[in-house]
Amino acid sequence: MADTHAGPNHDYHLVNPSPWPLVGSISAFVTAVGGIMWMKGLALGGLKLGAFLFGAGFIGILYVMIAWWTDVVHEAENGDHTPVVQISHRYGMILFIASEVMFFVAWFWAFFDASLFFNETKEYARVAFTGGVWPPKGIEVVDPWNLPLLNTLLLLTSGTTVTWAHHALLQNDRKGLIQGLILTIVLGAVFSCVQAYEYAHAPFAFKGSIFGATFFMATGFHGFHVLIGTIFLLVCLIRANAGQFTPRQHLGFEFAAWYWHFVDVVWLFLFSCIYVWSSVGASIEG
C-alpha cells in the first residue's frame, strides 16, 4: 500500500498558513494612522494618542519582520527552498533591487532638475532661491576629496571583502567566509560613523535650500540603506557561525551580497554627481 504520508512529489514550496501578512498589514495601518494623528496633533476621545499608536505600530512592523524572516530561515533549513523555488526567490530579489534603483532615480531626478535648470525662467521661485547659479548663492559645499572620498574607499573595499566572503563560501572555507563578513560589517559601520560626522559638520542645512534638501534626501536615504545592509550582513554572520550556509544553499547570504553591491554602485553615482560635480566652481568647506 502506498504511503499516504509521503512528502510532496514536486519541487514547489506550498507555504504553510501564516499570520504575518495580516499582522503586518494591521501594524502598517496603525503606524500610518498614528503618524498622521501625531503630525496633525489630532486627539481621540480627548487623548492625543498619535505618538503611542505610531510607536505601537512600528514595533509591530519590526516584530513581523523578525518573525517572518525567521520562518523563511526555518523553511530553508527544512529543505523547502528547492532549486526551482530558489529561482523564484532570485527573481523576487532582482525585482526588489530594481524597485530600489527607481527609488534613487527619483532623488537623482530631483537633484539634476534643480542643478541643470537652476536659471529656468519658468521656475521663477527656483531662480529666487538659487540666485540663478548652482550651487545656490551662499552655499558652501562639502569638499569631495575629504570625508566623501574616504567613504568611497570604505565602500569599495567593503565590496571587495563581501566578494571574498562569497568566494570563500563557494569553496567551503568557513573561516574565510566569517572573516570577510566581519570586515564588511566593520567597514559598513565605519562608513555610517563617518557620514554621521559629516552631517554634524555640514556647512548647510536641510531646510532653506534646494541644494541642502536634495543633498540630504539622496545621501541620507543611501546611508539608511547602508545601515540596513549592515544589519543584513550581521544576520548572515550569525547564520554563518551557526553553520547554516553551504556552498549549494546560501540564498540569504547571496541576496545580502547583491544588496551590498547595489549600495556600492549607488554611492559611486552620489559621489560623482552630488559631491564632485556640484563642487566644480563652488566654495568648498574642508
Protein backbone atom coordinates (compact mmCIF):
# COMPACT_ATOMS: atom_id res chain seq x y z
CA MET A 1 0.00 0.00 0.00
CA ALA A 2 1.29 3.43 -0.88
CA ASP A 3 2.40 5.68 1.96
CA THR A 4 -0.23 8.39 2.20
CA HIS A 5 2.10 10.47 4.40
CA ALA A 6 4.92 10.68 1.88
CA GLY A 7 6.35 14.10 1.08
CA PRO A 8 5.33 16.12 -1.98
CA ASN A 9 6.45 14.82 -5.35
CA HIS A 10 7.08 18.29 -6.80
CA ASP A 11 9.75 20.99 -6.49
CA TYR A 12 7.45 23.78 -5.33
CA HIS A 13 7.02 25.08 -1.81
CA LEU A 14 3.44 25.33 -0.62
CA VAL A 15 3.71 27.85 2.21
CA ASN A 16 2.02 26.95 5.48
CA PRO A 17 -0.73 29.27 6.77
CA SER A 18 0.93 32.33 8.33
CA PRO A 19 -0.42 35.17 10.48
CA TRP A 20 2.32 37.61 9.42
CA PRO A 21 0.66 39.15 6.32
CA LEU A 22 -2.40 40.06 8.38
CA VAL A 23 -0.44 41.22 11.43
CA GLY A 24 1.93 43.20 9.22
CA SER A 25 -0.95 44.92 7.43
CA ILE A 26 -2.62 45.88 10.69
CA SER A 27 0.68 47.16 12.10
CA ALA A 28 1.32 49.25 8.99
CA PHE A 29 -2.19 50.71 9.19
CA VAL A 30 -1.79 51.58 12.87
CA THR A 31 1.59 53.17 12.14
CA ALA A 32 0.13 55.30 9.33
CA VAL A 33 -2.86 56.42 11.39
CA GLY A 34 -0.68 57.14 14.41
CA GLY A 35 1.79 59.10 12.30
CA ILE A 36 -0.97 61.25 10.81
CA MET A 37 -2.53 61.92 14.21
CA TRP A 38 0.87 62.72 15.70
CA MET A 39 1.87 65.17 12.95
CA LYS A 40 -1.57 66.81 12.83
CA GLY A 41 -1.97 66.95 16.61
CA LEU A 42 -5.29 65.09 16.41
CA ALA A 43 -6.95 63.65 19.50
CA LEU A 44 -9.08 60.55 20.00
CA GLY A 45 -11.60 60.86 22.81
CA GLY A 46 -9.72 63.86 24.10
CA LEU A 47 -6.44 61.96 24.23
CA LYS A 48 -3.55 62.61 21.90
CA LEU A 49 -2.59 59.04 21.10
CA GLY A 50 -0.76 59.69 17.83
CA ALA A 51 2.75 59.08 19.15
CA PHE A 52 1.62 55.98 21.07
CA LEU A 53 -0.15 54.47 18.05
CA PHE A 54 2.80 55.24 15.80
CA GLY A 55 5.23 53.58 18.22
CA ALA A 56 3.00 50.55 18.75
CA GLY A 57 2.50 50.07 15.02
CA PHE A 58 6.21 50.46 14.34
CA ILE A 59 7.09 47.88 16.99
CA GLY A 60 4.52 45.57 15.40
CA ILE A 61 6.19 46.01 11.99
CA LEU A 62 9.62 45.19 13.44
CA TYR A 63 8.22 42.11 15.18
CA VAL A 64 6.58 40.88 11.98
CA MET A 65 9.81 41.41 10.02
CA ILE A 66 11.86 39.41 12.53
CA ALA A 67 9.26 36.63 12.90
CA TRP A 68 8.54 36.30 9.19
CA TRP A 69 12.19 36.21 8.18
CA THR A 70 12.84 33.68 10.95
CA ASP A 71 10.17 31.48 9.40
CA VAL A 72 11.85 31.83 6.00
CA VAL A 73 15.17 30.76 7.52
CA HIS A 74 13.48 27.71 9.04
CA GLU A 75 11.97 26.89 5.64
CA ALA A 76 15.45 26.98 4.11
CA GLU A 77 16.82 24.76 6.86
CA ASN A 78 13.96 22.28 6.34
CA GLY A 79 14.81 21.92 2.66
CA ASP A 80 11.77 23.77 1.33
CA HIS A 81 13.92 26.01 -0.87
CA THR A 82 14.47 23.62 -3.74
CA PRO A 83 16.39 24.75 -6.86
CA VAL A 84 13.09 25.68 -8.52
CA VAL A 85 11.98 27.71 -5.50
CA GLN A 86 15.39 29.44 -5.38
CA ILE A 87 14.88 30.65 -8.95
CA SER A 88 11.65 32.36 -7.89
CA HIS A 89 13.38 33.91 -4.89
CA ARG A 90 16.13 35.26 -7.13
CA TYR A 91 13.55 36.83 -9.43
CA GLY A 92 11.93 38.42 -6.40
CA MET A 93 15.23 39.88 -5.16
CA ILE A 94 16.07 41.19 -8.62
CA LEU A 95 12.70 42.95 -8.81
CA PHE A 96 13.17 44.36 -5.31
CA ILE A 97 16.58 45.81 -6.20
CA ALA A 98 15.08 47.19 -9.43
CA SER A 99 12.44 48.98 -7.37
CA GLU A 100 15.19 50.39 -5.15
CA VAL A 101 17.01 51.64 -8.25
CA MET A 102 13.90 53.55 -9.30
CA PHE A 103 13.60 54.93 -5.77
CA PHE A 104 17.03 56.53 -6.11
CA VAL A 105 16.30 57.62 -9.68
CA ALA A 106 13.64 59.89 -8.16
CA TRP A 107 16.18 61.62 -5.92
CA PHE A 108 18.72 61.94 -8.72
CA TRP A 109 15.95 63.33 -10.93
CA ALA A 110 15.15 65.98 -8.30
CA PHE A 111 18.83 66.88 -7.99
CA PHE A 112 19.51 67.15 -11.73
CA ASP A 113 16.27 69.01 -12.39
CA ALA A 114 17.34 71.65 -9.87
CA SER A 115 21.03 71.74 -10.82
CA LEU A 116 20.68 71.71 -14.61
CA PHE A 117 17.75 74.12 -14.80
CA PHE A 118 18.67 76.46 -11.98
CA ASN A 119 18.10 79.54 -14.19
CA GLU A 120 14.90 78.42 -15.91
CA THR A 121 12.71 81.50 -16.33
CA LYS A 122 9.52 79.48 -15.87
CA GLU A 123 10.78 78.37 -12.47
CA TYR A 124 10.90 81.89 -11.04
CA ALA A 125 10.63 80.65 -7.44
CA ARG A 126 13.64 78.39 -8.01
CA VAL A 127 15.65 81.25 -9.51
CA ALA A 128 14.83 83.32 -6.45
CA PHE A 129 16.15 80.56 -4.19
CA THR A 130 19.28 79.71 -6.21
CA GLY A 131 20.18 83.23 -7.31
CA GLY A 132 20.44 81.93 -10.86
CA VAL A 133 23.55 79.84 -10.15
CA TRP A 134 24.39 76.33 -8.98
CA PRO A 135 25.28 75.62 -6.25
CA PRO A 136 22.93 78.35 -4.96
CA LYS A 137 24.37 81.58 -3.66
CA GLY A 138 25.53 81.33 -0.08
CA ILE A 139 26.02 77.56 -0.22
CA GLU A 140 29.43 76.24 0.77
CA VAL A 141 29.62 72.64 -0.43
CA VAL A 142 31.43 69.73 1.20
CA ASP A 143 34.92 69.01 -0.09
CA PRO A 144 34.50 65.76 -2.06
CA TRP A 145 38.17 64.84 -1.61
CA ASN A 146 37.94 64.73 2.15
CA LEU A 147 35.38 62.60 4.05
CA PRO A 148 33.33 61.67 0.94
CA LEU A 149 36.46 60.21 -0.69
CA LEU A 150 37.21 58.28 2.49
CA ASN A 151 33.68 56.86 2.48
CA THR A 152 34.06 55.92 -1.18
CA LEU A 153 37.21 53.96 -0.39
CA LEU A 154 35.47 52.31 2.58
CA LEU A 155 32.53 51.13 0.45
CA LEU A 156 34.70 49.97 -2.44
CA THR A 157 36.83 47.98 0.00
CA SER A 158 33.70 46.51 1.59
CA GLY A 159 32.56 45.37 -1.85
CA THR A 160 35.85 43.50 -2.14
CA THR A 161 35.56 41.88 1.29
CA VAL A 162 31.97 40.71 0.75
CA THR A 163 33.06 39.18 -2.59
CA TRP A 164 35.91 37.46 -0.77
CA ALA A 165 33.41 36.07 1.74
CA HIS A 166 31.20 34.82 -1.10
CA HIS A 167 34.03 33.04 -2.87
CA ALA A 168 35.18 31.55 0.44
CA LEU A 169 31.68 30.15 0.97
CA LEU A 170 31.65 28.62 -2.51
CA GLN A 171 34.95 26.92 -1.63
CA ASN A 172 33.50 25.77 1.71
CA ASP A 173 36.06 27.94 3.51
CA ARG A 174 34.12 28.74 6.68
CA LYS A 175 36.94 30.78 8.20
CA GLY A 176 37.29 32.98 5.12
CA LEU A 177 33.52 33.47 4.99
CA ILE A 178 33.37 34.68 8.59
CA GLN A 179 36.44 36.90 8.27
CA GLY A 180 35.13 38.51 5.09
CA LEU A 181 31.75 39.15 6.68
CA ILE A 182 33.29 40.69 9.80
CA LEU A 183 35.44 43.05 7.73
CA THR A 184 32.48 44.06 5.57
CA ILE A 185 30.32 44.78 8.63
CA VAL A 186 33.10 46.84 10.25
CA LEU A 187 33.62 48.85 7.06
CA GLY A 188 29.88 49.48 6.77
CA ALA A 189 29.72 50.64 10.40
CA VAL A 190 32.70 52.97 9.90
CA PHE A 191 31.02 54.41 6.78
CA SER A 192 27.91 55.22 8.83
CA CYS A 193 30.00 56.88 11.55
CA VAL A 194 31.91 58.99 9.03
CA GLN A 195 28.66 60.06 7.36
CA ALA A 196 27.15 60.99 10.73
CA TYR A 197 30.21 63.14 11.47
CA GLU A 198 29.93 64.74 8.02
CA TYR A 199 26.26 65.56 8.61
CA ALA A 200 27.03 67.05 12.02
CA HIS A 201 29.61 69.40 10.45
CA ALA A 202 27.88 70.12 7.13
CA PRO A 203 28.07 73.83 6.16
CA PHE A 204 24.43 73.86 5.07
CA ALA A 205 21.12 72.64 6.48
CA PHE A 206 18.27 70.57 5.11
CA LYS A 207 15.78 73.42 5.20
CA GLY A 208 16.01 76.74 3.41
CA SER A 209 17.96 75.44 0.41
CA ILE A 210 17.07 73.25 -2.54
CA PHE A 211 20.69 72.10 -2.54
CA GLY A 212 20.52 71.01 1.09
CA ALA A 213 17.18 69.27 0.59
CA THR A 214 18.32 67.23 -2.42
CA PHE A 215 21.70 66.52 -0.81
CA PHE A 216 20.36 65.20 2.48
CA MET A 217 17.47 63.25 0.93
CA ALA A 218 19.70 61.42 -1.57
CA THR A 219 22.70 60.77 0.69
CA GLY A 220 20.52 60.23 3.76
CA PHE A 221 18.43 57.50 2.17
CA HIS A 222 21.63 55.90 0.92
CA GLY A 223 23.00 56.00 4.46
CA PHE A 224 19.81 54.30 5.64
CA HIS A 225 20.34 51.58 3.02
CA VAL A 226 23.91 51.11 4.25
CA LEU A 227 22.55 50.63 7.76
CA ILE A 228 20.00 48.08 6.54
CA GLY A 229 22.69 46.30 4.51
CA THR A 230 24.98 46.16 7.54
CA ILE A 231 22.21 44.56 9.62
CA PHE A 232 21.55 42.15 6.72
CA LEU A 233 25.20 41.10 6.74
CA LEU A 234 25.25 40.86 10.54
CA VAL A 235 22.39 38.36 10.39
CA CYS A 236 24.35 36.44 7.74
CA LEU A 237 27.36 36.40 10.08
CA ILE A 238 25.23 34.92 12.86
CA ARG A 239 23.88 32.29 10.48
CA ALA A 240 27.38 31.54 9.16
CA ASN A 241 28.62 30.95 12.71
CA ALA A 242 25.67 28.59 13.19
CA GLY A 243 26.76 26.66 10.08
CA GLN A 244 23.55 27.35 8.18
CA PHE A 245 25.17 28.20 4.82
CA THR A 246 26.52 25.61 2.40
CA PRO A 247 28.19 26.07 -1.00
CA ARG A 248 24.98 24.84 -2.66
CA GLN A 249 22.42 26.59 -0.44
CA HIS A 250 23.09 30.15 0.73
CA LEU A 251 20.39 32.36 -0.74
CA GLY A 252 20.31 34.60 2.33
CA PHE A 253 23.98 35.48 2.00
CA GLU A 254 23.78 35.79 -1.77
CA PHE A 255 20.96 38.32 -1.51
CA ALA A 256 22.84 40.27 1.15
CA ALA A 257 25.85 40.45 -1.18
CA TRP A 258 23.67 41.61 -4.08
CA TYR A 259 22.14 44.31 -1.90
CA TRP A 260 25.55 45.45 -0.71
CA HIS A 261 26.89 45.77 -4.25
CA PHE A 262 23.78 47.78 -5.15
CA VAL A 263 24.54 50.13 -2.26
CA ASP A 264 28.13 50.48 -3.52
CA VAL A 265 27.05 51.39 -7.05
CA VAL A 266 24.53 53.98 -5.84
CA TRP A 267 27.23 55.61 -3.73
CA LEU A 268 29.55 55.91 -6.74
CA PHE A 269 26.84 57.87 -8.54
CA LEU A 270 26.20 60.01 -5.46
CA PHE A 271 29.90 60.74 -5.03
CA SER A 272 30.39 61.57 -8.71
CA CYS A 273 27.32 63.77 -9.12
CA ILE A 274 26.32 65.29 -5.82
CA TYR A 275 29.78 65.67 -4.32
CA VAL A 276 32.27 66.07 -7.17
CA TRP A 277 30.16 67.64 -9.91
CA SER A 278 28.46 70.06 -7.50
CA SER A 279 31.82 71.21 -6.18
CA VAL A 280 33.03 72.49 -9.58
CA GLY A 281 33.34 76.26 -9.31
CA ALA A 282 31.85 76.32 -5.81
CA SER A 283 33.30 77.41 -2.50
CA ILE A 284 34.31 74.32 -0.55
CA GLU A 285 34.19 73.53 3.15
CA GLY A 286 37.18 71.40 4.02
